[in-house]
Amino acid sequence: MSPIELTIWQTIGAFFTIAIFSFLYKDNPLYKIAESIVVGVAAGYFTVLLFWTSLKPKFWDQIITHRDGVLVIDKWWYIIPGILGLLMYFHFSSKFAWISRYPLCLYIGIGSGIAIPLSLQTFVLRQVEATMLPVSLYPLEAQSINNLLIVLMVVAALIYFFFSMEHKGVVGKTATFGIWVIMVGFGASFGYTVMARVSLLIGRIQFLLVDWLHWVK
């Protein structure tokens, strides 16, 4: 890429960056134009990406194959999911929108059957497994203390959501400690999110001052 082309693309990038930042002042036409262009380009990009990475290799190329220079229909049963996918477009018709419910029901049913066991394995069983840590007070080591704190915090957080028993006495104090554990977890997650966004902001500021304006070396 020549220096002139690089400058042009950097100027375009700077324009959209400043246009998005202008929303910090107030909602304005410049921000709406940049927002619409970003959404449109992203939609077009992912549409083309899905066509070349999903529709063509996993549907069309599976049905139509080349053998000795001749087009041959292979794996014809792939036409069935293709028809179901086309039926989804009846959703745009007010008269025949009910047809789109059948492939949608199949999609939701199959997707749920795949996603629920996977989510259970990932977010429940793995979390329980990660909590079953060895706790040894002798010899007292840093890892043992860390494991003990994790177990106590998990138990305290769970007791806070145990509403079958009134939160009084030991149970109440443990539930209060569970609230602190939950708040610390939320705070750490929020802090991590803020740091990630600030990192993106720093990257954009560096792009404007260093790459585009060359004010900072």
N, C-alpha and C. Protein backbone atom coordinates (compact mmCIF):
# COMPACT_ATOMS: atom_id res chain seq x y z
N MET A 1 0.85 -1.19 0.00
CA MET A 1 0.00 0.00 0.00
C MET A 1 0.88 1.24 0.00
N SER A 2 0.61 2.15 -0.93
CA SER A 2 1.41 3.36 -1.05
C SER A 2 1.09 4.31 0.10
N PRO A 3 2.00 5.27 0.36
CA PRO A 3 1.74 6.23 1.45
C PRO A 3 0.46 7.02 1.25
N ILE A 4 0.14 7.36 -0.01
CA ILE A 4 -1.09 8.13 -0.26
C ILE A 4 -2.32 7.29 0.09
N GLU A 5 -2.32 6.03 -0.35
CA GLU A 5 -3.45 5.16 -0.02
C GLU A 5 -3.58 4.95 1.47
N LEU A 6 -2.42 4.79 2.14
CA LEU A 6 -2.45 4.61 3.59
C LEU A 6 -3.02 5.83 4.28
N THR A 7 -2.65 7.02 3.82
CA THR A 7 -3.17 8.26 4.40
C THR A 7 -4.67 8.37 4.19
N ILE A 8 -5.14 7.99 3.00
CA ILE A 8 -6.58 8.06 2.71
C ILE A 8 -7.36 7.14 3.65
N TRP A 9 -6.90 5.89 3.80
CA TRP A 9 -7.61 4.94 4.67
C TRP A 9 -7.54 5.35 6.14
N GLN A 10 -6.41 5.92 6.55
CA GLN A 10 -6.31 6.41 7.91
C GLN A 10 -7.25 7.59 8.15
N THR A 11 -7.40 8.45 7.15
CA THR A 11 -8.31 9.59 7.27
C THR A 11 -9.75 9.11 7.38
N ILE A 12 -10.11 8.09 6.60
CA ILE A 12 -11.46 7.53 6.68
C ILE A 12 -11.70 6.93 8.06
N GLY A 13 -10.71 6.18 8.55
CA GLY A 13 -10.83 5.61 9.89
C GLY A 13 -10.94 6.67 10.96
N ALA A 14 -10.16 7.76 10.82
CA ALA A 14 -10.23 8.85 11.79
C ALA A 14 -11.58 9.54 11.75
N PHE A 15 -12.14 9.70 10.54
CA PHE A 15 -13.45 10.33 10.40
C PHE A 15 -14.51 9.54 11.17
N PHE A 16 -14.54 8.23 10.97
CA PHE A 16 -15.54 7.41 11.66
C PHE A 16 -15.30 7.38 13.17
N THR A 17 -14.05 7.40 13.57
CA THR A 17 -13.74 7.42 15.01
C THR A 17 -14.25 8.71 15.65
N ILE A 18 -13.96 9.85 15.02
CA ILE A 18 -14.41 11.13 15.56
C ILE A 18 -15.94 11.23 15.50
N ALA A 19 -16.53 10.68 14.44
CA ALA A 19 -17.99 10.71 14.31
C ALA A 19 -18.66 9.94 15.44
N ILE A 20 -18.11 8.78 15.80
CA ILE A 20 -18.67 8.01 16.90
C ILE A 20 -18.44 8.73 18.23
N PHE A 21 -17.25 9.33 18.39
CA PHE A 21 -16.96 10.07 19.62
C PHE A 21 -17.86 11.30 19.77
N SER A 22 -18.40 11.82 18.66
CA SER A 22 -19.24 13.02 18.74
C SER A 22 -20.52 12.77 19.51
N PHE A 23 -20.89 11.51 19.69
CA PHE A 23 -22.09 11.18 20.48
C PHE A 23 -21.90 11.55 21.94
N LEU A 24 -20.66 11.68 22.39
CA LEU A 24 -20.40 12.10 23.77
C LEU A 24 -20.91 13.51 24.01
N TYR A 25 -20.97 14.33 22.96
CA TYR A 25 -21.53 15.67 23.09
C TYR A 25 -23.04 15.61 23.06
N LYS A 26 -23.60 15.06 22.00
CA LYS A 26 -25.04 14.82 21.89
C LYS A 26 -25.30 14.02 20.61
N ASP A 27 -26.51 13.51 20.53
CA ASP A 27 -26.89 12.78 19.33
C ASP A 27 -26.94 13.74 18.15
N ASN A 28 -26.29 13.37 17.05
CA ASN A 28 -26.19 14.28 15.90
C ASN A 28 -26.18 13.49 14.60
N PRO A 29 -26.43 14.15 13.47
CA PRO A 29 -26.47 13.44 12.18
C PRO A 29 -25.15 12.76 11.83
N LEU A 30 -24.02 13.35 12.24
CA LEU A 30 -22.72 12.76 11.92
C LEU A 30 -22.58 11.39 12.58
N TYR A 31 -23.01 11.29 13.82
CA TYR A 31 -22.96 10.00 14.52
C TYR A 31 -23.90 9.00 13.88
N LYS A 32 -25.11 9.43 13.49
CA LYS A 32 -26.07 8.52 12.88
C LYS A 32 -25.56 7.99 11.54
N ILE A 33 -24.89 8.86 10.77
CA ILE A 33 -24.33 8.41 9.49
C ILE A 33 -23.26 7.34 9.73
N ALA A 34 -22.35 7.61 10.68
CA ALA A 34 -21.29 6.65 10.97
C ALA A 34 -21.87 5.34 11.51
N GLU A 35 -22.87 5.45 12.38
CA GLU A 35 -23.49 4.25 12.95
C GLU A 35 -24.15 3.41 11.86
N SER A 36 -24.88 4.07 10.95
CA SER A 36 -25.56 3.35 9.88
C SER A 36 -24.57 2.67 8.95
N ILE A 37 -23.47 3.35 8.63
CA ILE A 37 -22.46 2.77 7.74
C ILE A 37 -21.79 1.57 8.40
N VAL A 38 -21.46 1.70 9.68
CA VAL A 38 -20.82 0.58 10.38
C VAL A 38 -21.74 -0.63 10.44
N VAL A 39 -23.03 -0.40 10.76
CA VAL A 39 -23.98 -1.51 10.83
C VAL A 39 -24.18 -2.13 9.45
N GLY A 40 -24.30 -1.31 8.43
CA GLY A 40 -24.49 -1.82 7.08
C GLY A 40 -23.30 -2.61 6.57
N VAL A 41 -22.10 -2.07 6.78
CA VAL A 41 -20.90 -2.78 6.35
C VAL A 41 -20.73 -4.10 7.10
N ALA A 42 -21.01 -4.08 8.41
CA ALA A 42 -20.90 -5.31 9.20
C ALA A 42 -21.91 -6.36 8.73
N ALA A 43 -23.15 -5.93 8.45
CA ALA A 43 -24.16 -6.88 7.97
C ALA A 43 -23.77 -7.46 6.61
N GLY A 44 -23.30 -6.61 5.71
CA GLY A 44 -22.87 -7.10 4.40
C GLY A 44 -21.67 -8.03 4.50
N TYR A 45 -20.73 -7.68 5.36
CA TYR A 45 -19.53 -8.51 5.52
C TYR A 45 -19.87 -9.90 6.04
N PHE A 46 -20.72 -9.94 7.08
CA PHE A 46 -21.05 -11.24 7.67
C PHE A 46 -21.96 -12.05 6.75
N THR A 47 -22.77 -11.37 5.92
CA THR A 47 -23.58 -12.11 4.94
C THR A 47 -22.69 -12.81 3.93
N VAL A 48 -21.72 -12.09 3.39
CA VAL A 48 -20.79 -12.71 2.43
C VAL A 48 -19.95 -13.78 3.11
N LEU A 49 -19.53 -13.51 4.35
CA LEU A 49 -18.72 -14.49 5.08
C LEU A 49 -19.50 -15.78 5.31
N LEU A 50 -20.77 -15.67 5.71
CA LEU A 50 -21.58 -16.86 5.92
C LEU A 50 -21.82 -17.63 4.63
N PHE A 51 -21.94 -16.90 3.51
CA PHE A 51 -22.16 -17.58 2.23
C PHE A 51 -20.95 -18.43 1.86
N TRP A 52 -19.74 -17.86 1.99
CA TRP A 52 -18.54 -18.58 1.55
C TRP A 52 -18.04 -19.60 2.56
N THR A 53 -18.37 -19.42 3.83
CA THR A 53 -17.89 -20.36 4.85
C THR A 53 -18.93 -21.37 5.29
N SER A 54 -20.21 -21.12 4.99
CA SER A 54 -21.25 -22.02 5.46
C SER A 54 -22.12 -22.53 4.32
N LEU A 55 -22.82 -21.62 3.63
CA LEU A 55 -23.79 -22.04 2.63
C LEU A 55 -23.15 -22.79 1.46
N LYS A 56 -22.09 -22.23 0.91
CA LYS A 56 -21.48 -22.87 -0.27
C LYS A 56 -20.77 -24.18 0.08
N PRO A 57 -19.83 -24.21 1.06
CA PRO A 57 -19.12 -25.48 1.31
C PRO A 57 -19.97 -26.54 1.99
N LYS A 58 -20.93 -26.13 2.84
CA LYS A 58 -21.68 -27.11 3.63
C LYS A 58 -23.03 -27.47 3.02
N PHE A 59 -23.44 -26.73 1.99
CA PHE A 59 -24.71 -27.05 1.35
C PHE A 59 -24.54 -27.28 -0.15
N TRP A 60 -24.15 -26.25 -0.87
CA TRP A 60 -24.08 -26.37 -2.33
C TRP A 60 -23.02 -27.36 -2.78
N ASP A 61 -21.83 -27.26 -2.23
CA ASP A 61 -20.74 -28.17 -2.65
C ASP A 61 -21.00 -29.61 -2.23
N GLN A 62 -21.85 -29.82 -1.23
CA GLN A 62 -22.18 -31.19 -0.82
C GLN A 62 -23.18 -31.84 -1.77
N ILE A 63 -23.99 -31.01 -2.44
CA ILE A 63 -25.00 -31.53 -3.36
C ILE A 63 -24.45 -31.63 -4.78
N ILE A 64 -23.83 -30.57 -5.26
CA ILE A 64 -23.30 -30.52 -6.62
C ILE A 64 -21.80 -30.76 -6.56
N THR A 65 -21.34 -31.83 -7.16
CA THR A 65 -19.91 -32.16 -7.20
C THR A 65 -19.48 -32.36 -8.65
N HIS A 66 -18.17 -32.24 -8.86
CA HIS A 66 -17.59 -32.43 -10.19
C HIS A 66 -16.91 -33.79 -10.24
N ARG A 67 -17.31 -34.59 -11.22
CA ARG A 67 -16.68 -35.89 -11.44
C ARG A 67 -16.36 -36.04 -12.92
N ASP A 68 -15.07 -36.05 -13.21
CA ASP A 68 -14.60 -36.14 -14.59
C ASP A 68 -15.16 -35.02 -15.45
N GLY A 69 -15.23 -33.83 -14.86
CA GLY A 69 -15.71 -32.67 -15.59
C GLY A 69 -17.20 -32.60 -15.76
N VAL A 70 -17.93 -33.47 -15.09
CA VAL A 70 -19.39 -33.51 -15.20
C VAL A 70 -20.00 -33.18 -13.85
N LEU A 71 -21.05 -32.32 -13.86
CA LEU A 71 -21.74 -31.99 -12.63
C LEU A 71 -22.63 -33.16 -12.21
N VAL A 72 -22.45 -33.61 -10.98
CA VAL A 72 -23.19 -34.76 -10.48
C VAL A 72 -23.88 -34.35 -9.18
N ILE A 73 -25.14 -34.77 -9.04
CA ILE A 73 -25.89 -34.52 -7.81
C ILE A 73 -25.53 -35.58 -6.79
N ASP A 74 -24.91 -35.16 -5.70
CA ASP A 74 -24.48 -36.08 -4.65
C ASP A 74 -25.06 -35.61 -3.32
N LYS A 75 -25.30 -36.55 -2.43
CA LYS A 75 -25.87 -36.23 -1.11
C LYS A 75 -27.13 -35.39 -1.26
N TRP A 76 -28.10 -35.93 -2.02
CA TRP A 76 -29.32 -35.20 -2.31
C TRP A 76 -30.12 -34.87 -1.05
N TRP A 77 -29.89 -35.64 0.02
CA TRP A 77 -30.67 -35.38 1.24
C TRP A 77 -30.32 -34.04 1.89
N TYR A 78 -29.22 -33.42 1.44
CA TYR A 78 -28.90 -32.07 1.93
C TYR A 78 -29.93 -31.05 1.45
N ILE A 79 -30.74 -31.43 0.44
CA ILE A 79 -31.77 -30.52 -0.05
C ILE A 79 -32.83 -30.27 1.01
N ILE A 80 -33.06 -31.25 1.89
CA ILE A 80 -34.10 -31.12 2.91
C ILE A 80 -33.83 -29.95 3.86
N PRO A 81 -32.63 -29.84 4.47
CA PRO A 81 -32.39 -28.64 5.29
C PRO A 81 -32.38 -27.37 4.48
N GLY A 82 -32.01 -27.47 3.18
CA GLY A 82 -32.08 -26.28 2.34
C GLY A 82 -33.50 -25.79 2.16
N ILE A 83 -34.45 -26.74 1.96
CA ILE A 83 -35.86 -26.37 1.84
C ILE A 83 -36.37 -25.77 3.15
N LEU A 84 -35.98 -26.38 4.28
CA LEU A 84 -36.40 -25.84 5.57
C LEU A 84 -35.88 -24.42 5.77
N GLY A 85 -34.66 -24.18 5.30
CA GLY A 85 -34.13 -22.82 5.41
C GLY A 85 -34.89 -21.84 4.55
N LEU A 86 -35.30 -22.26 3.35
CA LEU A 86 -36.08 -21.38 2.48
C LEU A 86 -37.46 -21.09 3.07
N LEU A 87 -38.01 -22.08 3.77
CA LEU A 87 -39.33 -21.86 4.39
C LEU A 87 -39.30 -20.77 5.45
N MET A 88 -38.13 -20.49 6.00
CA MET A 88 -38.02 -19.43 7.01
C MET A 88 -38.38 -18.07 6.42
N TYR A 89 -38.19 -17.90 5.10
CA TYR A 89 -38.46 -16.60 4.48
C TYR A 89 -39.95 -16.31 4.37
N PHE A 90 -40.81 -17.31 4.61
CA PHE A 90 -42.24 -17.03 4.64
C PHE A 90 -42.62 -16.12 5.81
N HIS A 91 -41.68 -15.90 6.72
CA HIS A 91 -41.93 -15.01 7.86
C HIS A 91 -42.21 -13.58 7.39
N PHE A 92 -41.73 -13.23 6.20
CA PHE A 92 -41.94 -11.87 5.68
C PHE A 92 -43.31 -11.72 5.03
N SER A 93 -44.06 -12.81 4.94
CA SER A 93 -45.41 -12.75 4.37
C SER A 93 -46.43 -12.79 5.51
N SER A 94 -47.32 -11.82 5.51
CA SER A 94 -48.34 -11.79 6.56
C SER A 94 -49.35 -12.91 6.39
N LYS A 95 -49.53 -13.40 5.17
CA LYS A 95 -50.52 -14.44 4.90
C LYS A 95 -49.98 -15.84 5.18
N PHE A 96 -48.69 -16.06 4.84
CA PHE A 96 -48.11 -17.39 4.97
C PHE A 96 -47.01 -17.44 6.04
N ALA A 97 -47.06 -16.53 6.98
CA ALA A 97 -46.03 -16.51 8.03
C ALA A 97 -46.03 -17.77 8.88
N TRP A 98 -47.19 -18.45 8.95
CA TRP A 98 -47.31 -19.65 9.77
C TRP A 98 -46.41 -20.77 9.26
N ILE A 99 -46.06 -20.74 7.98
CA ILE A 99 -45.21 -21.80 7.42
C ILE A 99 -43.81 -21.74 8.04
N SER A 100 -43.35 -20.52 8.33
CA SER A 100 -41.99 -20.37 8.88
C SER A 100 -41.87 -20.93 10.29
N ARG A 101 -43.00 -21.20 10.94
CA ARG A 101 -42.94 -21.70 12.32
C ARG A 101 -42.44 -23.14 12.37
N TYR A 102 -42.68 -23.91 11.34
CA TYR A 102 -42.27 -25.31 11.36
C TYR A 102 -40.74 -25.45 11.34
N PRO A 103 -40.02 -24.83 10.39
CA PRO A 103 -38.55 -24.92 10.47
C PRO A 103 -37.99 -24.23 11.71
N LEU A 104 -38.68 -23.17 12.18
CA LEU A 104 -38.22 -22.49 13.38
C LEU A 104 -38.33 -23.40 14.60
N CYS A 105 -39.42 -24.17 14.69
CA CYS A 105 -39.58 -25.12 15.80
C CYS A 105 -38.50 -26.19 15.77
N LEU A 106 -38.21 -26.71 14.57
CA LEU A 106 -37.14 -27.71 14.45
C LEU A 106 -35.80 -27.12 14.85
N TYR A 107 -35.55 -25.89 14.42
CA TYR A 107 -34.27 -25.24 14.74
C TYR A 107 -34.12 -25.02 16.24
N ILE A 108 -35.19 -24.53 16.88
CA ILE A 108 -35.13 -24.28 18.32
C ILE A 108 -35.00 -25.60 19.09
N GLY A 109 -35.75 -26.63 18.66
CA GLY A 109 -35.68 -27.93 19.34
C GLY A 109 -34.30 -28.56 19.24
N ILE A 110 -33.75 -28.58 18.03
CA ILE A 110 -32.41 -29.17 17.84
C ILE A 110 -31.36 -28.32 18.57
N GLY A 111 -31.48 -26.99 18.43
CA GLY A 111 -30.52 -26.12 19.10
C GLY A 111 -30.55 -26.26 20.61
N SER A 112 -31.75 -26.38 21.17
CA SER A 112 -31.88 -26.55 22.62
C SER A 112 -31.28 -27.89 23.06
N GLY A 113 -31.56 -28.94 22.28
CA GLY A 113 -31.01 -30.26 22.63
C GLY A 113 -29.50 -30.29 22.62
N ILE A 114 -28.89 -29.45 21.78
CA ILE A 114 -27.42 -29.39 21.74
C ILE A 114 -26.88 -28.43 22.79
N ALA A 115 -27.56 -27.28 22.96
CA ALA A 115 -27.02 -26.23 23.82
C ALA A 115 -27.20 -26.52 25.30
N ILE A 116 -28.34 -27.13 25.69
CA ILE A 116 -28.60 -27.35 27.12
C ILE A 116 -27.58 -28.30 27.75
N PRO A 117 -27.31 -29.49 27.18
CA PRO A 117 -26.26 -30.34 27.79
C PRO A 117 -24.88 -29.68 27.78
N LEU A 118 -24.59 -28.92 26.69
CA LEU A 118 -23.30 -28.26 26.64
C LEU A 118 -23.19 -27.18 27.70
N SER A 119 -24.25 -26.40 27.88
CA SER A 119 -24.24 -25.37 28.91
C SER A 119 -24.18 -25.98 30.31
N LEU A 120 -24.88 -27.10 30.50
CA LEU A 120 -24.84 -27.78 31.80
C LEU A 120 -23.44 -28.28 32.10
N GLN A 121 -22.79 -28.82 31.08
CA GLN A 121 -21.43 -29.31 31.26
C GLN A 121 -20.45 -28.18 31.54
N THR A 122 -20.65 -27.06 30.84
CA THR A 122 -19.69 -25.95 30.93
C THR A 122 -19.91 -25.09 32.17
N PHE A 123 -21.16 -24.70 32.43
CA PHE A 123 -21.43 -23.71 33.45
C PHE A 123 -21.86 -24.30 34.79
N VAL A 124 -22.15 -25.59 34.85
CA VAL A 124 -22.56 -26.20 36.10
C VAL A 124 -21.55 -27.24 36.56
N LEU A 125 -21.38 -28.29 35.77
CA LEU A 125 -20.50 -29.37 36.18
C LEU A 125 -19.05 -28.91 36.31
N ARG A 126 -18.60 -28.10 35.38
CA ARG A 126 -17.21 -27.59 35.45
C ARG A 126 -17.02 -26.69 36.65
N GLN A 127 -18.05 -25.90 36.98
CA GLN A 127 -17.95 -25.02 38.14
C GLN A 127 -17.92 -25.84 39.43
N VAL A 128 -18.74 -26.88 39.50
CA VAL A 128 -18.73 -27.75 40.68
C VAL A 128 -17.40 -28.47 40.80
N GLU A 129 -16.88 -28.93 39.67
CA GLU A 129 -15.59 -29.62 39.68
C GLU A 129 -14.47 -28.69 40.13
N ALA A 130 -14.54 -27.42 39.68
CA ALA A 130 -13.50 -26.47 40.06
C ALA A 130 -13.56 -26.11 41.54
N THR A 131 -14.72 -26.33 42.18
CA THR A 131 -14.86 -26.03 43.60
C THR A 131 -14.38 -27.17 44.48
N MET A 132 -14.34 -28.38 43.96
CA MET A 132 -13.91 -29.54 44.74
C MET A 132 -12.39 -29.58 44.80
N LEU A 133 -11.85 -28.74 45.66
CA LEU A 133 -10.40 -28.58 45.78
C LEU A 133 -9.89 -29.25 47.04
N PRO A 134 -8.69 -29.77 47.01
CA PRO A 134 -8.11 -30.37 48.23
C PRO A 134 -7.78 -29.29 49.25
N VAL A 135 -8.22 -29.50 50.47
CA VAL A 135 -7.98 -28.55 51.56
C VAL A 135 -7.19 -29.27 52.64
N SER A 136 -6.02 -28.78 52.93
CA SER A 136 -5.17 -29.39 53.93
C SER A 136 -4.58 -28.28 54.81
N LEU A 137 -4.83 -28.39 56.11
CA LEU A 137 -4.30 -27.39 57.04
C LEU A 137 -2.91 -27.74 57.56
N TYR A 138 -2.45 -28.94 57.23
CA TYR A 138 -1.09 -29.31 57.67
C TYR A 138 -0.43 -30.15 56.57
N PRO A 139 0.67 -29.70 55.99
CA PRO A 139 1.32 -28.41 56.27
C PRO A 139 0.55 -27.26 55.65
N LEU A 140 0.52 -26.13 56.35
CA LEU A 140 -0.22 -24.96 55.90
C LEU A 140 0.58 -24.27 54.79
N GLU A 141 0.03 -24.32 53.59
CA GLU A 141 0.69 -23.72 52.44
C GLU A 141 -0.23 -22.69 51.80
N ALA A 142 0.36 -21.88 50.93
CA ALA A 142 -0.42 -20.83 50.27
C ALA A 142 -1.52 -21.42 49.41
N GLN A 143 -1.25 -22.51 48.71
CA GLN A 143 -2.26 -23.13 47.86
C GLN A 143 -3.41 -23.69 48.69
N SER A 144 -3.09 -24.25 49.85
CA SER A 144 -4.14 -24.77 50.72
C SER A 144 -5.05 -23.65 51.23
N ILE A 145 -4.45 -22.52 51.60
CA ILE A 145 -5.24 -21.37 52.05
C ILE A 145 -6.12 -20.86 50.91
N ASN A 146 -5.56 -20.80 49.71
CA ASN A 146 -6.33 -20.34 48.55
C ASN A 146 -7.52 -21.26 48.28
N ASN A 147 -7.28 -22.58 48.34
CA ASN A 147 -8.36 -23.55 48.12
C ASN A 147 -9.44 -23.43 49.19
N LEU A 148 -9.01 -23.23 50.44
CA LEU A 148 -9.97 -23.10 51.54
C LEU A 148 -10.83 -21.85 51.37
N LEU A 149 -10.23 -20.75 50.95
CA LEU A 149 -11.00 -19.52 50.73
C LEU A 149 -12.00 -19.69 49.60
N ILE A 150 -11.60 -20.37 48.54
CA ILE A 150 -12.52 -20.59 47.41
C ILE A 150 -13.72 -21.40 47.85
N VAL A 151 -13.47 -22.48 48.60
CA VAL A 151 -14.57 -23.34 49.06
C VAL A 151 -15.50 -22.56 49.98
N LEU A 152 -14.94 -21.80 50.93
CA LEU A 152 -15.77 -21.04 51.87
C LEU A 152 -16.59 -19.96 51.15
N MET A 153 -15.99 -19.29 50.18
CA MET A 153 -16.71 -18.25 49.44
C MET A 153 -17.83 -18.82 48.60
N VAL A 154 -17.58 -19.96 47.97
CA VAL A 154 -18.63 -20.59 47.16
C VAL A 154 -19.80 -21.02 48.05
N VAL A 155 -19.50 -21.64 49.18
CA VAL A 155 -20.54 -22.08 50.09
C VAL A 155 -21.33 -20.89 50.63
N ALA A 156 -20.63 -19.81 50.99
CA ALA A 156 -21.31 -18.62 51.52
C ALA A 156 -22.22 -17.99 50.47
N ALA A 157 -21.75 -17.91 49.22
CA ALA A 157 -22.58 -17.34 48.15
C ALA A 157 -23.81 -18.19 47.90
N LEU A 158 -23.67 -19.52 47.97
CA LEU A 158 -24.81 -20.40 47.76
C LEU A 158 -25.82 -20.30 48.90
N ILE A 159 -25.31 -20.14 50.13
CA ILE A 159 -26.21 -20.02 51.28
C ILE A 159 -27.05 -18.75 51.18
N TYR A 160 -26.50 -17.70 50.61
CA TYR A 160 -27.28 -16.47 50.44
C TYR A 160 -28.54 -16.71 49.62
N PHE A 161 -28.48 -17.63 48.64
CA PHE A 161 -29.64 -17.93 47.80
C PHE A 161 -30.48 -19.08 48.36
N PHE A 162 -30.16 -19.54 49.57
CA PHE A 162 -30.92 -20.61 50.21
C PHE A 162 -32.00 -19.97 51.08
N PHE A 163 -33.22 -19.87 50.53
CA PHE A 163 -34.30 -19.14 51.18
C PHE A 163 -35.23 -20.05 51.97
N SER A 164 -34.96 -21.34 52.01
CA SER A 164 -35.82 -22.24 52.78
C SER A 164 -35.58 -22.10 54.28
N MET A 165 -34.52 -21.43 54.67
CA MET A 165 -34.20 -21.22 56.08
C MET A 165 -34.01 -19.72 56.31
N GLU A 166 -34.56 -19.24 57.42
CA GLU A 166 -34.45 -17.83 57.72
C GLU A 166 -33.01 -17.45 57.99
N HIS A 167 -32.61 -16.31 57.43
CA HIS A 167 -31.23 -15.86 57.56
C HIS A 167 -31.01 -15.21 58.92
N LYS A 168 -30.83 -16.05 59.92
CA LYS A 168 -30.52 -15.59 61.26
C LYS A 168 -29.40 -16.43 61.84
N GLY A 169 -28.70 -15.86 62.81
CA GLY A 169 -27.64 -16.60 63.46
C GLY A 169 -26.49 -16.88 62.51
N VAL A 170 -25.99 -18.12 62.57
CA VAL A 170 -24.86 -18.52 61.73
C VAL A 170 -25.22 -18.43 60.27
N VAL A 171 -26.44 -18.87 59.94
CA VAL A 171 -26.87 -18.82 58.54
C VAL A 171 -26.92 -17.38 58.04
N GLY A 172 -27.43 -16.47 58.87
CA GLY A 172 -27.51 -15.08 58.48
C GLY A 172 -26.14 -14.45 58.28
N LYS A 173 -25.21 -14.74 59.20
CA LYS A 173 -23.86 -14.19 59.06
C LYS A 173 -23.16 -14.76 57.83
N THR A 174 -23.38 -16.06 57.58
CA THR A 174 -22.78 -16.66 56.38
C THR A 174 -23.37 -16.06 55.12
N ALA A 175 -24.70 -15.82 55.12
CA ALA A 175 -25.34 -15.20 53.97
C ALA A 175 -24.82 -13.78 53.75
N THR A 176 -24.58 -13.06 54.85
CA THR A 176 -24.02 -11.70 54.73
C THR A 176 -22.63 -11.76 54.11
N PHE A 177 -21.83 -12.72 54.55
CA PHE A 177 -20.51 -12.91 53.94
C PHE A 177 -20.66 -13.28 52.46
N GLY A 178 -21.70 -14.06 52.14
CA GLY A 178 -21.96 -14.41 50.74
C GLY A 178 -22.28 -13.20 49.90
N ILE A 179 -23.00 -12.21 50.50
CA ILE A 179 -23.28 -10.97 49.78
C ILE A 179 -21.98 -10.25 49.44
N TRP A 180 -21.07 -10.18 50.41
CA TRP A 180 -19.78 -9.54 50.15
C TRP A 180 -19.01 -10.26 49.04
N VAL A 181 -19.07 -11.59 49.06
CA VAL A 181 -18.39 -12.37 48.02
C VAL A 181 -18.98 -12.05 46.65
N ILE A 182 -20.31 -12.00 46.57
CA ILE A 182 -20.96 -11.71 45.30
C ILE A 182 -20.62 -10.30 44.82
N MET A 183 -20.62 -9.33 45.74
CA MET A 183 -20.30 -7.96 45.36
C MET A 183 -18.86 -7.83 44.89
N VAL A 184 -17.96 -8.54 45.54
CA VAL A 184 -16.56 -8.52 45.09
C VAL A 184 -16.44 -9.12 43.69
N GLY A 185 -17.19 -10.21 43.45
CA GLY A 185 -17.17 -10.80 42.12
C GLY A 185 -17.73 -9.87 41.06
N PHE A 186 -18.86 -9.22 41.37
CA PHE A 186 -19.44 -8.26 40.42
C PHE A 186 -18.49 -7.09 40.19
N GLY A 187 -17.87 -6.62 41.25
CA GLY A 187 -16.95 -5.49 41.11
C GLY A 187 -15.74 -5.84 40.26
N ALA A 188 -15.20 -7.04 40.47
CA ALA A 188 -14.06 -7.46 39.67
C ALA A 188 -14.45 -7.60 38.19
N SER A 189 -15.64 -8.16 37.94
CA SER A 189 -16.10 -8.31 36.55
C SER A 189 -16.32 -6.94 35.91
N PHE A 190 -16.93 -6.03 36.66
CA PHE A 190 -17.16 -4.69 36.12
C PHE A 190 -15.83 -3.97 35.86
N GLY A 191 -14.90 -4.11 36.82
CA GLY A 191 -13.60 -3.49 36.63
C GLY A 191 -12.88 -4.03 35.41
N TYR A 192 -12.97 -5.34 35.20
CA TYR A 192 -12.34 -5.94 34.02
C TYR A 192 -12.98 -5.41 32.75
N THR A 193 -14.32 -5.26 32.74
CA THR A 193 -15.01 -4.72 31.57
C THR A 193 -14.59 -3.29 31.29
N VAL A 194 -14.50 -2.49 32.36
CA VAL A 194 -14.09 -1.09 32.19
C VAL A 194 -12.66 -1.01 31.65
N MET A 195 -11.77 -1.83 32.18
CA MET A 195 -10.39 -1.82 31.69
C MET A 195 -10.32 -2.20 30.22
N ALA A 196 -11.16 -3.16 29.81
CA ALA A 196 -11.18 -3.55 28.40
C ALA A 196 -11.64 -2.40 27.52
N ARG A 197 -12.69 -1.69 27.98
CA ARG A 197 -13.17 -0.55 27.19
C ARG A 197 -12.17 0.60 27.18
N VAL A 198 -11.52 0.83 28.30
CA VAL A 198 -10.50 1.88 28.34
C VAL A 198 -9.33 1.52 27.42
N SER A 199 -8.99 0.24 27.35
CA SER A 199 -7.95 -0.20 26.45
C SER A 199 -8.31 0.09 24.99
N LEU A 200 -9.59 -0.13 24.64
CA LEU A 200 -10.04 0.21 23.29
C LEU A 200 -9.97 1.71 23.04
N LEU A 201 -10.33 2.50 24.07
CA LEU A 201 -10.26 3.96 23.94
C LEU A 201 -8.82 4.41 23.73
N ILE A 202 -7.89 3.85 24.48
CA ILE A 202 -6.48 4.21 24.34
C ILE A 202 -5.98 3.87 22.94
N GLY A 203 -6.43 2.71 22.42
CA GLY A 203 -6.04 2.34 21.06
C GLY A 203 -6.53 3.33 20.03
N ARG A 204 -7.77 3.82 20.19
CA ARG A 204 -8.30 4.81 19.24
C ARG A 204 -7.58 6.15 19.36
N ILE A 205 -7.28 6.57 20.60
CA ILE A 205 -6.55 7.83 20.80
C ILE A 205 -5.15 7.74 20.20
N GLN A 206 -4.49 6.61 20.40
CA GLN A 206 -3.17 6.41 19.79
C GLN A 206 -3.26 6.45 18.27
N PHE A 207 -4.33 5.87 17.71
CA PHE A 207 -4.49 5.90 16.26
C PHE A 207 -4.63 7.33 15.75
N LEU A 208 -5.42 8.16 16.48
CA LEU A 208 -5.63 9.54 16.04
C LEU A 208 -4.37 10.38 16.17
N LEU A 209 -3.68 10.26 17.31
CA LEU A 209 -2.54 11.14 17.59
C LEU A 209 -1.24 10.65 16.96
N VAL A 210 -1.08 9.33 16.86
CA VAL A 210 0.19 8.77 16.38
C VAL A 210 0.11 8.42 14.90
N ASP A 211 -0.83 7.57 14.53
CA ASP A 211 -0.89 7.07 13.16
C ASP A 211 -1.43 8.08 12.17
N TRP A 212 -2.43 8.87 12.61
CA TRP A 212 -3.07 9.79 11.67
C TRP A 212 -2.45 11.19 11.69
N LEU A 213 -2.40 11.84 12.85
CA LEU A 213 -1.88 13.21 12.93
C LEU A 213 -0.37 13.26 13.12
N HIS A 214 0.24 12.19 13.60
CA HIS A 214 1.68 12.12 13.85
C HIS A 214 2.13 13.20 14.84
N TRP A 215 1.25 13.50 15.80
CA TRP A 215 1.61 14.47 16.82
C TRP A 215 2.49 13.86 17.91
N VAL A 216 2.35 12.58 18.11
CA VAL A 216 3.12 11.88 19.13
C VAL A 216 3.93 10.81 18.46
N LYS A 217 5.19 10.74 18.80
CA LYS A 217 6.07 9.71 18.23
C LYS A 217 6.24 8.57 19.23
